[in-house]
Amino acid sequence: MQELSIQTSQRNQLLDITAKVAAVVSADNRRDGIVTVFVPHTTAGLIINENADPAVCHDLLGKLARLIPESESFYTHAEGNSDAHLKSSLLGHSIQVILEDGRLQLGVWQAIYFAEFDGPRQRQVWIKIT
């Protein structure tokens, strides 16, 4: 298993980590397999989505903010980050990508995004190739 360190700069943020994941995969020298990317945090997640137009990330974060506001009268979690837990649960904490001929098999417009919902923070991403 390999670990990436990710520094976020905003409370809610999507960071394209495709190149970092690809660098880990390339250094491993395996040609084929499955790449699992996992976030060991309860207020962050991972998604695969479009990387050609930054408006997609803007729109996704905007919709999540409307669906799951930062403050709700029924939130009781003492840390004040209930929305972050809900958002990360909705998106999920892991993804898998096919590795073929030493390359991540993503679609033309796809990228791997780290989703921060309780930043800014220093975060980890774990990568395992099987």
N, C-alpha and C. Protein backbone atom coordinates (compact mmCIF):
# COMPACT_ATOMS: atom_id res chain seq x y z
N MET A 1 0.84 -1.18 0.00
CA MET A 1 0.00 0.00 0.00
C MET A 1 0.89 1.25 0.00
N GLN A 2 0.46 2.25 -0.74
CA GLN A 2 1.14 3.53 -0.80
C GLN A 2 0.23 4.60 -0.20
N GLU A 3 0.82 5.64 0.34
CA GLU A 3 0.05 6.73 0.93
C GLU A 3 0.40 8.05 0.29
N LEU A 4 -0.62 8.80 -0.08
CA LEU A 4 -0.45 10.17 -0.57
C LEU A 4 -0.85 11.13 0.54
N SER A 5 -0.17 12.24 0.61
CA SER A 5 -0.54 13.31 1.53
C SER A 5 -1.20 14.42 0.70
N ILE A 6 -2.37 14.85 1.16
CA ILE A 6 -3.14 15.87 0.45
C ILE A 6 -3.37 17.03 1.40
N GLN A 7 -3.06 18.23 0.97
CA GLN A 7 -3.35 19.44 1.76
C GLN A 7 -4.51 20.17 1.09
N THR A 8 -5.58 20.36 1.83
CA THR A 8 -6.71 21.11 1.29
C THR A 8 -6.66 22.54 1.80
N SER A 9 -7.35 23.43 1.12
CA SER A 9 -7.28 24.85 1.47
C SER A 9 -8.65 25.48 1.74
N GLN A 10 -9.71 24.70 1.55
CA GLN A 10 -11.06 25.22 1.76
C GLN A 10 -11.87 24.21 2.55
N ARG A 11 -12.98 24.66 3.13
CA ARG A 11 -13.85 23.76 3.89
C ARG A 11 -14.45 22.70 2.97
N ASN A 12 -14.96 23.11 1.82
CA ASN A 12 -15.52 22.20 0.83
C ASN A 12 -14.73 22.39 -0.46
N GLN A 13 -14.15 21.30 -0.95
CA GLN A 13 -13.23 21.42 -2.07
C GLN A 13 -13.11 20.09 -2.80
N LEU A 14 -12.99 20.15 -4.11
CA LEU A 14 -12.66 18.98 -4.92
C LEU A 14 -11.28 19.19 -5.52
N LEU A 15 -10.37 18.26 -5.27
CA LEU A 15 -9.01 18.34 -5.79
C LEU A 15 -8.76 17.19 -6.74
N ASP A 16 -8.32 17.49 -7.94
CA ASP A 16 -7.98 16.47 -8.92
C ASP A 16 -6.67 15.81 -8.49
N ILE A 17 -6.73 14.54 -8.12
CA ILE A 17 -5.53 13.82 -7.67
C ILE A 17 -5.12 12.74 -8.68
N THR A 18 -5.65 12.81 -9.88
CA THR A 18 -5.38 11.78 -10.90
C THR A 18 -3.88 11.62 -11.16
N ALA A 19 -3.18 12.72 -11.34
CA ALA A 19 -1.74 12.64 -11.65
C ALA A 19 -0.97 12.03 -10.49
N LYS A 20 -1.35 12.35 -9.26
CA LYS A 20 -0.67 11.77 -8.10
C LYS A 20 -0.91 10.27 -8.00
N VAL A 21 -2.13 9.85 -8.25
CA VAL A 21 -2.44 8.41 -8.24
C VAL A 21 -1.69 7.72 -9.37
N ALA A 22 -1.69 8.32 -10.55
CA ALA A 22 -0.99 7.73 -11.70
C ALA A 22 0.51 7.61 -11.43
N ALA A 23 1.09 8.57 -10.72
CA ALA A 23 2.52 8.50 -10.39
C ALA A 23 2.81 7.33 -9.46
N VAL A 24 1.94 7.10 -8.49
CA VAL A 24 2.11 5.95 -7.60
C VAL A 24 2.01 4.65 -8.39
N VAL A 25 1.05 4.59 -9.27
CA VAL A 25 0.85 3.39 -10.10
C VAL A 25 2.07 3.17 -11.00
N SER A 26 2.56 4.21 -11.61
CA SER A 26 3.71 4.10 -12.51
C SER A 26 4.95 3.62 -11.76
N ALA A 27 5.17 4.12 -10.56
CA ALA A 27 6.34 3.72 -9.77
C ALA A 27 6.27 2.27 -9.33
N ASP A 28 5.08 1.71 -9.28
CA ASP A 28 4.89 0.32 -8.85
C ASP A 28 5.32 -0.68 -9.93
N ASN A 29 5.31 -0.25 -11.19
CA ASN A 29 5.73 -1.07 -12.34
C ASN A 29 4.83 -2.25 -12.65
N ARG A 30 3.65 -2.32 -12.09
CA ARG A 30 2.72 -3.37 -12.50
C ARG A 30 2.02 -2.95 -13.77
N ARG A 31 1.70 -3.93 -14.59
CA ARG A 31 1.09 -3.63 -15.89
C ARG A 31 -0.43 -3.73 -15.85
N ASP A 32 -0.95 -4.68 -15.08
CA ASP A 32 -2.39 -4.92 -15.08
C ASP A 32 -2.87 -5.18 -13.66
N GLY A 33 -4.12 -4.83 -13.40
CA GLY A 33 -4.70 -5.09 -12.09
C GLY A 33 -5.85 -4.15 -11.79
N ILE A 34 -6.10 -4.01 -10.51
CA ILE A 34 -7.14 -3.12 -10.01
C ILE A 34 -6.47 -2.16 -9.03
N VAL A 35 -6.72 -0.88 -9.21
CA VAL A 35 -6.20 0.15 -8.30
C VAL A 35 -7.36 0.59 -7.40
N THR A 36 -7.17 0.38 -6.12
CA THR A 36 -8.14 0.85 -5.14
C THR A 36 -7.57 2.10 -4.49
N VAL A 37 -8.38 3.14 -4.47
CA VAL A 37 -8.01 4.40 -3.83
C VAL A 37 -8.99 4.59 -2.67
N PHE A 38 -8.46 4.81 -1.47
CA PHE A 38 -9.27 4.85 -0.25
C PHE A 38 -8.90 6.06 0.60
N VAL A 39 -9.91 6.69 1.18
CA VAL A 39 -9.71 7.83 2.07
C VAL A 39 -10.07 7.39 3.50
N PRO A 40 -9.10 7.42 4.43
CA PRO A 40 -9.36 6.98 5.80
C PRO A 40 -9.89 8.12 6.70
N HIS A 41 -10.83 8.88 6.17
CA HIS A 41 -11.38 10.01 6.91
C HIS A 41 -12.91 9.98 6.80
N THR A 42 -13.59 10.40 7.85
CA THR A 42 -15.06 10.37 7.86
C THR A 42 -15.69 11.66 7.35
N THR A 43 -14.87 12.65 7.02
CA THR A 43 -15.40 13.90 6.49
C THR A 43 -14.80 14.25 5.14
N ALA A 44 -14.34 13.24 4.43
CA ALA A 44 -13.79 13.41 3.09
C ALA A 44 -14.21 12.20 2.26
N GLY A 45 -14.06 12.31 0.96
CA GLY A 45 -14.45 11.21 0.09
C GLY A 45 -13.71 11.24 -1.23
N LEU A 46 -14.14 10.38 -2.14
CA LEU A 46 -13.54 10.28 -3.47
C LEU A 46 -14.64 10.13 -4.51
N ILE A 47 -14.40 10.73 -5.66
CA ILE A 47 -15.31 10.53 -6.79
C ILE A 47 -14.50 10.49 -8.08
N ILE A 48 -15.11 9.97 -9.10
CA ILE A 48 -14.60 10.09 -10.46
C ILE A 48 -15.62 10.95 -11.21
N ASN A 49 -15.13 12.01 -11.85
CA ASN A 49 -16.02 12.88 -12.58
C ASN A 49 -15.25 13.63 -13.65
N GLU A 50 -15.93 14.51 -14.35
CA GLU A 50 -15.34 15.23 -15.47
C GLU A 50 -14.21 16.16 -15.03
N ASN A 51 -13.15 16.20 -15.85
CA ASN A 51 -12.02 17.08 -15.57
C ASN A 51 -11.82 18.17 -16.61
N ALA A 52 -12.67 18.23 -17.62
CA ALA A 52 -12.47 19.19 -18.70
C ALA A 52 -13.00 20.58 -18.36
N ASP A 53 -14.06 20.66 -17.59
CA ASP A 53 -14.69 21.93 -17.28
C ASP A 53 -14.80 22.10 -15.77
N PRO A 54 -14.09 23.07 -15.19
CA PRO A 54 -14.13 23.27 -13.74
C PRO A 54 -15.53 23.61 -13.22
N ALA A 55 -16.44 23.99 -14.08
CA ALA A 55 -17.80 24.28 -13.66
C ALA A 55 -18.48 23.03 -13.09
N VAL A 56 -18.06 21.85 -13.53
CA VAL A 56 -18.65 20.62 -13.01
C VAL A 56 -18.38 20.51 -11.52
N CYS A 57 -17.17 20.75 -11.08
CA CYS A 57 -16.84 20.71 -9.65
C CYS A 57 -17.60 21.79 -8.90
N HIS A 58 -17.64 22.98 -9.45
CA HIS A 58 -18.39 24.09 -8.85
C HIS A 58 -19.85 23.71 -8.67
N ASP A 59 -20.46 23.14 -9.71
CA ASP A 59 -21.87 22.77 -9.66
C ASP A 59 -22.12 21.65 -8.66
N LEU A 60 -21.22 20.67 -8.62
CA LEU A 60 -21.37 19.56 -7.68
C LEU A 60 -21.30 20.05 -6.23
N LEU A 61 -20.31 20.88 -5.94
CA LEU A 61 -20.20 21.42 -4.58
C LEU A 61 -21.40 22.30 -4.23
N GLY A 62 -21.88 23.07 -5.20
CA GLY A 62 -23.05 23.91 -4.98
C GLY A 62 -24.30 23.10 -4.67
N LYS A 63 -24.49 22.03 -5.41
CA LYS A 63 -25.67 21.18 -5.17
C LYS A 63 -25.57 20.47 -3.83
N LEU A 64 -24.38 19.97 -3.49
CA LEU A 64 -24.20 19.33 -2.18
C LEU A 64 -24.48 20.31 -1.05
N ALA A 65 -24.07 21.56 -1.22
CA ALA A 65 -24.32 22.57 -0.19
C ALA A 65 -25.81 22.82 -0.01
N ARG A 66 -26.55 22.77 -1.10
CA ARG A 66 -28.01 22.96 -1.01
C ARG A 66 -28.70 21.73 -0.42
N LEU A 67 -28.24 20.57 -0.83
CA LEU A 67 -28.83 19.33 -0.31
C LEU A 67 -28.52 19.11 1.16
N ILE A 68 -27.28 19.45 1.54
CA ILE A 68 -26.79 19.21 2.90
C ILE A 68 -26.15 20.49 3.41
N PRO A 69 -26.94 21.40 3.96
CA PRO A 69 -26.39 22.67 4.46
C PRO A 69 -25.43 22.47 5.63
N GLU A 70 -24.54 23.43 5.80
CA GLU A 70 -23.56 23.36 6.89
C GLU A 70 -24.24 23.37 8.26
N SER A 71 -25.35 24.06 8.37
CA SER A 71 -26.03 24.16 9.66
C SER A 71 -27.50 23.77 9.52
N GLU A 72 -27.96 22.89 10.38
CA GLU A 72 -29.37 22.48 10.44
C GLU A 72 -29.77 22.42 11.92
N SER A 73 -30.99 22.75 12.22
CA SER A 73 -31.44 22.78 13.61
C SER A 73 -31.40 21.40 14.28
N PHE A 74 -31.50 20.34 13.50
CA PHE A 74 -31.51 18.99 14.09
C PHE A 74 -30.14 18.36 14.23
N TYR A 75 -29.07 18.99 13.72
CA TYR A 75 -27.73 18.45 13.91
C TYR A 75 -27.37 18.47 15.39
N THR A 76 -26.84 17.36 15.89
CA THR A 76 -26.44 17.30 17.29
C THR A 76 -24.98 16.91 17.49
N HIS A 77 -24.28 16.57 16.43
CA HIS A 77 -22.87 16.18 16.54
C HIS A 77 -22.06 17.33 17.14
N ALA A 78 -21.33 17.04 18.19
CA ALA A 78 -20.66 18.07 18.99
C ALA A 78 -19.57 18.83 18.23
N GLU A 79 -18.97 18.23 17.22
CA GLU A 79 -17.88 18.90 16.52
C GLU A 79 -18.35 19.95 15.52
N GLY A 80 -19.64 20.00 15.24
CA GLY A 80 -20.16 21.01 14.32
C GLY A 80 -19.89 20.73 12.86
N ASN A 81 -19.61 19.48 12.53
CA ASN A 81 -19.33 19.14 11.13
C ASN A 81 -20.24 18.02 10.62
N SER A 82 -21.47 18.01 11.10
CA SER A 82 -22.41 16.98 10.66
C SER A 82 -22.57 16.96 9.15
N ASP A 83 -22.61 18.14 8.53
CA ASP A 83 -22.76 18.19 7.08
C ASP A 83 -21.61 17.48 6.38
N ALA A 84 -20.40 17.61 6.92
CA ALA A 84 -19.24 16.96 6.31
C ALA A 84 -19.36 15.44 6.36
N HIS A 85 -19.85 14.91 7.47
CA HIS A 85 -20.06 13.46 7.59
C HIS A 85 -21.11 12.99 6.60
N LEU A 86 -22.19 13.74 6.46
CA LEU A 86 -23.25 13.37 5.54
C LEU A 86 -22.77 13.40 4.09
N LYS A 87 -22.05 14.45 3.71
CA LYS A 87 -21.55 14.57 2.33
C LYS A 87 -20.58 13.45 1.99
N SER A 88 -19.67 13.16 2.91
CA SER A 88 -18.69 12.10 2.63
C SER A 88 -19.37 10.74 2.54
N SER A 89 -20.39 10.52 3.37
CA SER A 89 -21.13 9.26 3.31
C SER A 89 -21.86 9.12 1.98
N LEU A 90 -22.38 10.22 1.48
CA LEU A 90 -23.10 10.21 0.20
C LEU A 90 -22.16 9.89 -0.96
N LEU A 91 -20.96 10.48 -0.96
CA LEU A 91 -20.03 10.26 -2.06
C LEU A 91 -19.27 8.94 -1.95
N GLY A 92 -18.90 8.56 -0.74
CA GLY A 92 -18.16 7.32 -0.54
C GLY A 92 -16.69 7.58 -0.29
N HIS A 93 -16.02 6.54 0.23
CA HIS A 93 -14.64 6.66 0.67
C HIS A 93 -13.63 5.91 -0.18
N SER A 94 -14.10 5.23 -1.22
CA SER A 94 -13.16 4.51 -2.06
C SER A 94 -13.66 4.44 -3.50
N ILE A 95 -12.69 4.26 -4.39
CA ILE A 95 -12.99 4.01 -5.80
C ILE A 95 -12.05 2.93 -6.29
N GLN A 96 -12.42 2.30 -7.37
CA GLN A 96 -11.54 1.34 -8.03
C GLN A 96 -11.43 1.71 -9.50
N VAL A 97 -10.20 1.56 -10.02
CA VAL A 97 -9.93 1.84 -11.42
C VAL A 97 -9.14 0.67 -12.00
N ILE A 98 -9.49 0.28 -13.18
CA ILE A 98 -8.77 -0.79 -13.88
C ILE A 98 -7.39 -0.28 -14.29
N LEU A 99 -6.39 -1.11 -14.08
CA LEU A 99 -5.02 -0.84 -14.53
C LEU A 99 -4.74 -1.78 -15.68
N GLU A 100 -4.43 -1.21 -16.84
CA GLU A 100 -4.13 -2.03 -18.02
C GLU A 100 -2.95 -1.42 -18.76
N ASP A 101 -1.98 -2.27 -19.09
CA ASP A 101 -0.76 -1.82 -19.76
C ASP A 101 -0.08 -0.68 -19.00
N GLY A 102 -0.16 -0.73 -17.67
CA GLY A 102 0.51 0.25 -16.83
C GLY A 102 -0.20 1.58 -16.70
N ARG A 103 -1.42 1.68 -17.24
CA ARG A 103 -2.15 2.96 -17.22
C ARG A 103 -3.51 2.81 -16.56
N LEU A 104 -3.91 3.85 -15.85
CA LEU A 104 -5.26 3.89 -15.30
C LEU A 104 -6.25 3.99 -16.45
N GLN A 105 -7.26 3.16 -16.43
CA GLN A 105 -8.25 3.15 -17.50
C GLN A 105 -9.43 4.05 -17.14
N LEU A 106 -9.22 5.33 -17.31
CA LEU A 106 -10.26 6.32 -17.10
C LEU A 106 -10.77 6.80 -18.45
N GLY A 107 -12.01 7.24 -18.48
CA GLY A 107 -12.58 7.79 -19.70
C GLY A 107 -11.87 9.09 -20.07
N VAL A 108 -12.07 9.52 -21.30
CA VAL A 108 -11.39 10.70 -21.84
C VAL A 108 -11.56 11.92 -20.93
N TRP A 109 -12.72 12.11 -20.37
CA TRP A 109 -12.99 13.31 -19.57
C TRP A 109 -12.98 13.03 -18.08
N GLN A 110 -12.57 11.84 -17.66
CA GLN A 110 -12.65 11.48 -16.25
C GLN A 110 -11.37 11.80 -15.48
N ALA A 111 -11.57 12.14 -14.20
CA ALA A 111 -10.47 12.37 -13.27
C ALA A 111 -10.88 11.84 -11.91
N ILE A 112 -9.88 11.57 -11.08
CA ILE A 112 -10.12 11.15 -9.70
C ILE A 112 -10.03 12.39 -8.82
N TYR A 113 -11.09 12.62 -8.06
CA TYR A 113 -11.14 13.79 -7.19
C TYR A 113 -11.18 13.40 -5.73
N PHE A 114 -10.36 14.08 -4.94
CA PHE A 114 -10.46 14.03 -3.49
C PHE A 114 -11.49 15.07 -3.09
N ALA A 115 -12.47 14.67 -2.30
CA ALA A 115 -13.54 15.56 -1.88
C ALA A 115 -13.37 15.92 -0.40
N GLU A 116 -13.07 17.17 -0.15
CA GLU A 116 -12.90 17.68 1.21
C GLU A 116 -14.19 18.37 1.66
N PHE A 117 -14.64 18.04 2.87
CA PHE A 117 -15.86 18.65 3.40
C PHE A 117 -15.68 19.23 4.80
N ASP A 118 -14.46 19.20 5.33
CA ASP A 118 -14.20 19.71 6.67
C ASP A 118 -12.80 20.32 6.76
N GLY A 119 -12.45 21.04 5.73
CA GLY A 119 -11.10 21.59 5.65
C GLY A 119 -11.03 23.01 6.15
N PRO A 120 -9.87 23.61 5.95
CA PRO A 120 -8.68 22.99 5.37
C PRO A 120 -7.99 22.05 6.34
N ARG A 121 -7.41 21.01 5.78
CA ARG A 121 -6.73 19.98 6.58
C ARG A 121 -5.63 19.29 5.77
N GLN A 122 -4.78 18.61 6.50
CA GLN A 122 -3.83 17.68 5.91
C GLN A 122 -4.52 16.31 5.90
N ARG A 123 -4.59 15.68 4.76
CA ARG A 123 -5.31 14.41 4.61
C ARG A 123 -4.42 13.34 4.01
N GLN A 124 -4.87 12.10 4.12
CA GLN A 124 -4.17 10.98 3.51
C GLN A 124 -5.11 10.27 2.53
N VAL A 125 -4.48 9.71 1.53
CA VAL A 125 -5.17 8.85 0.56
C VAL A 125 -4.32 7.60 0.44
N TRP A 126 -4.96 6.44 0.59
CA TRP A 126 -4.25 5.18 0.48
C TRP A 126 -4.53 4.55 -0.87
N ILE A 127 -3.48 3.96 -1.47
CA ILE A 127 -3.59 3.34 -2.78
C ILE A 127 -3.06 1.92 -2.70
N LYS A 128 -3.85 0.99 -3.18
CA LYS A 128 -3.46 -0.43 -3.19
C LYS A 128 -3.72 -0.98 -4.59
N ILE A 129 -2.70 -1.64 -5.13
CA ILE A 129 -2.81 -2.25 -6.45
C ILE A 129 -2.84 -3.76 -6.28
N THR A 130 -3.86 -4.38 -6.84
CA THR A 130 -3.97 -5.84 -6.75
C THR A 130 -4.06 -6.43 -8.14
